[in-house]
């Protein structure tokens, strides 16, 4: 997945919450802009809990329709 703003392929998943719900926010690791909200499946939950940078190659095991 590529950032539409800076074309980086590195991203990070972090927890973002409002008063009633927690989301997994995918942000560009280079420029920090929002990419999308990820579904709360095990792979993305683990990434959000680890809070580190990932690249597209590290998420190849995630089904394509879920990752897009």
N, C-alpha and C. Protein backbone atom coordinates (compact mmCIF):
# COMPACT_ATOMS: atom_id res chain seq x y z
N UNK A 1 0.84 -1.16 0.00
CA UNK A 1 0.00 0.00 0.00
C UNK A 1 0.89 1.23 0.00
N UNK A 2 0.58 2.17 -0.86
CA UNK A 2 1.44 3.34 -1.07
C UNK A 2 0.71 4.60 -0.63
N UNK A 3 1.45 5.52 -0.02
CA UNK A 3 0.90 6.80 0.40
C UNK A 3 0.60 7.64 -0.84
N UNK A 4 -0.59 8.20 -0.92
CA UNK A 4 -0.97 9.02 -2.06
C UNK A 4 -0.28 10.39 -2.05
N UNK A 5 0.27 10.77 -0.90
CA UNK A 5 0.87 12.09 -0.77
C UNK A 5 2.37 12.10 -1.05
N UNK A 6 3.10 11.10 -0.54
CA UNK A 6 4.57 11.11 -0.70
C UNK A 6 5.11 9.87 -1.40
N UNK A 7 4.23 8.93 -1.75
CA UNK A 7 4.58 7.71 -2.49
C UNK A 7 5.40 6.69 -1.69
N UNK A 8 5.48 6.85 -0.38
CA UNK A 8 6.20 5.89 0.47
C UNK A 8 5.40 4.60 0.60
N UNK A 9 6.11 3.49 0.72
CA UNK A 9 5.46 2.20 0.95
C UNK A 9 5.53 1.79 2.42
N UNK A 10 6.06 2.64 3.29
CA UNK A 10 6.16 2.32 4.71
C UNK A 10 4.97 2.93 5.44
N UNK A 11 4.40 2.16 6.34
CA UNK A 11 3.27 2.66 7.12
C UNK A 11 3.35 2.11 8.52
N UNK A 12 2.54 2.67 9.39
CA UNK A 12 2.43 2.15 10.75
C UNK A 12 0.96 2.09 11.13
N UNK A 13 0.65 1.15 11.99
CA UNK A 13 -0.70 0.99 12.50
C UNK A 13 -0.69 1.40 13.97
N UNK A 14 -1.65 2.25 14.34
CA UNK A 14 -1.75 2.72 15.71
C UNK A 14 -3.22 2.75 16.11
N UNK A 15 -3.45 2.59 17.40
CA UNK A 15 -4.81 2.69 17.92
C UNK A 15 -5.21 4.15 17.96
N UNK A 16 -6.44 4.42 17.53
CA UNK A 16 -7.02 5.75 17.63
C UNK A 16 -8.41 5.57 18.21
N UNK A 17 -8.77 6.38 19.18
CA UNK A 17 -10.08 6.18 19.80
C UNK A 17 -10.82 7.50 19.93
N UNK A 18 -12.13 7.37 19.91
CA UNK A 18 -12.99 8.49 20.27
C UNK A 18 -13.74 8.07 21.52
N UNK A 19 -14.78 8.76 21.89
CA UNK A 19 -15.44 8.45 23.16
C UNK A 19 -16.13 7.08 23.19
N UNK A 20 -16.39 6.48 22.03
CA UNK A 20 -17.12 5.21 22.06
C UNK A 20 -16.50 4.06 21.27
N UNK A 21 -15.43 4.30 20.52
CA UNK A 21 -14.92 3.23 19.67
C UNK A 21 -13.43 3.39 19.44
N UNK A 22 -12.73 2.26 19.28
CA UNK A 22 -11.31 2.26 18.94
C UNK A 22 -11.13 1.81 17.51
N UNK A 23 -10.32 2.53 16.76
CA UNK A 23 -10.02 2.21 15.37
C UNK A 23 -8.54 1.89 15.26
N UNK A 24 -8.17 1.16 14.22
CA UNK A 24 -6.76 0.98 13.89
C UNK A 24 -6.48 1.92 12.72
N UNK A 25 -5.69 2.93 12.99
CA UNK A 25 -5.35 3.94 11.99
C UNK A 25 -4.07 3.53 11.28
N UNK A 26 -4.12 3.48 9.96
CA UNK A 26 -2.91 3.25 9.16
C UNK A 26 -2.42 4.60 8.68
N UNK A 27 -1.19 4.94 9.05
CA UNK A 27 -0.60 6.22 8.67
C UNK A 27 0.71 5.98 7.94
N UNK A 28 1.06 6.91 7.06
CA UNK A 28 2.34 6.84 6.36
C UNK A 28 3.46 7.03 7.37
N UNK A 29 4.45 6.15 7.35
CA UNK A 29 5.57 6.27 8.28
C UNK A 29 6.51 7.40 7.89
N UNK A 30 6.46 7.83 6.63
CA UNK A 30 7.35 8.91 6.17
C UNK A 30 6.77 10.30 6.46
N UNK A 31 5.52 10.53 6.05
CA UNK A 31 4.95 11.88 6.20
C UNK A 31 3.90 11.97 7.31
N UNK A 32 3.44 10.83 7.83
CA UNK A 32 2.49 10.82 8.95
C UNK A 32 1.03 11.00 8.58
N UNK A 33 0.73 11.11 7.30
CA UNK A 33 -0.66 11.31 6.90
C UNK A 33 -1.47 10.02 6.97
N UNK A 34 -2.77 10.20 7.16
CA UNK A 34 -3.71 9.09 7.25
C UNK A 34 -3.79 8.39 5.90
N UNK A 35 -3.76 7.05 5.93
CA UNK A 35 -3.95 6.25 4.72
C UNK A 35 -5.37 5.67 4.73
N UNK A 36 -5.71 4.98 5.80
CA UNK A 36 -7.06 4.40 5.93
C UNK A 36 -7.21 3.82 7.32
N UNK A 37 -8.41 3.42 7.66
CA UNK A 37 -8.64 2.65 8.88
C UNK A 37 -8.61 1.18 8.51
N UNK A 38 -7.86 0.40 9.25
CA UNK A 38 -7.71 -1.02 8.98
C UNK A 38 -8.79 -1.81 9.73
N UNK A 39 -9.20 -2.94 9.18
CA UNK A 39 -10.15 -3.79 9.90
C UNK A 39 -9.50 -4.38 11.15
N UNK A 40 -10.30 -4.65 12.14
CA UNK A 40 -9.77 -5.19 13.40
C UNK A 40 -9.66 -6.71 13.33
N UNK A 41 -8.74 -7.16 12.49
CA UNK A 41 -8.42 -8.59 12.42
C UNK A 41 -7.06 -8.77 13.09
N UNK A 42 -6.73 -10.00 13.40
CA UNK A 42 -5.54 -10.30 14.20
C UNK A 42 -4.26 -9.63 13.69
N UNK A 43 -4.01 -9.70 12.40
CA UNK A 43 -2.77 -9.13 11.87
C UNK A 43 -2.66 -7.63 12.14
N UNK A 44 -3.72 -6.88 11.90
CA UNK A 44 -3.69 -5.45 12.11
C UNK A 44 -3.71 -5.10 13.60
N UNK A 45 -4.41 -5.88 14.41
CA UNK A 45 -4.40 -5.65 15.86
C UNK A 45 -2.99 -5.84 16.40
N UNK A 46 -2.31 -6.90 15.96
CA UNK A 46 -0.93 -7.12 16.39
C UNK A 46 -0.02 -5.98 15.96
N UNK A 47 -0.21 -5.48 14.74
CA UNK A 47 0.60 -4.36 14.26
C UNK A 47 0.36 -3.11 15.10
N UNK A 48 -0.90 -2.84 15.42
CA UNK A 48 -1.22 -1.67 16.23
C UNK A 48 -0.66 -1.80 17.64
N UNK A 49 -0.69 -3.00 18.18
CA UNK A 49 -0.14 -3.21 19.52
C UNK A 49 1.38 -3.05 19.54
N UNK A 50 2.05 -3.41 18.44
CA UNK A 50 3.51 -3.29 18.35
C UNK A 50 3.96 -1.88 18.02
N UNK A 51 3.13 -1.11 17.31
CA UNK A 51 3.41 0.28 16.95
C UNK A 51 4.80 0.47 16.35
N UNK A 52 5.06 -0.22 15.24
CA UNK A 52 6.31 -0.03 14.52
C UNK A 52 6.03 0.10 13.03
N UNK A 53 7.04 0.43 12.25
CA UNK A 53 6.88 0.60 10.81
C UNK A 53 6.77 -0.75 10.10
N UNK A 54 5.95 -0.78 9.06
CA UNK A 54 5.78 -1.96 8.23
C UNK A 54 5.87 -1.56 6.77
N UNK A 55 6.16 -2.53 5.94
CA UNK A 55 6.12 -2.30 4.49
C UNK A 55 5.12 -3.27 3.89
N UNK A 56 4.78 -3.04 2.66
CA UNK A 56 3.81 -3.88 1.97
C UNK A 56 4.24 -5.35 1.97
N UNK A 57 5.52 -5.62 1.83
CA UNK A 57 6.02 -7.00 1.79
C UNK A 57 5.77 -7.74 3.09
N UNK A 58 5.71 -7.02 4.21
CA UNK A 58 5.49 -7.67 5.50
C UNK A 58 4.03 -8.04 5.72
N UNK A 59 3.13 -7.57 4.89
CA UNK A 59 1.71 -7.86 5.06
C UNK A 59 1.15 -8.69 3.92
N UNK A 60 1.98 -9.38 3.17
CA UNK A 60 1.52 -10.19 2.04
C UNK A 60 0.57 -11.30 2.47
N UNK A 61 0.64 -11.76 3.71
CA UNK A 61 -0.22 -12.85 4.18
C UNK A 61 -1.65 -12.39 4.42
N UNK A 62 -1.90 -11.10 4.46
CA UNK A 62 -3.25 -10.58 4.68
C UNK A 62 -4.01 -10.66 3.37
N UNK A 63 -5.20 -11.22 3.39
CA UNK A 63 -5.98 -11.33 2.14
C UNK A 63 -6.14 -9.97 1.46
N UNK A 64 -6.01 -9.93 0.16
CA UNK A 64 -6.00 -8.69 -0.61
C UNK A 64 -7.25 -7.84 -0.35
N UNK A 65 -8.43 -8.43 -0.32
CA UNK A 65 -9.65 -7.66 -0.13
C UNK A 65 -9.71 -7.02 1.26
N UNK A 66 -9.01 -7.58 2.25
CA UNK A 66 -8.98 -7.01 3.59
C UNK A 66 -7.96 -5.87 3.65
N UNK A 67 -6.83 -6.02 2.98
CA UNK A 67 -5.76 -5.04 3.04
C UNK A 67 -6.08 -3.78 2.22
N UNK A 68 -6.98 -3.85 1.29
CA UNK A 68 -7.26 -2.67 0.45
C UNK A 68 -8.31 -1.78 1.04
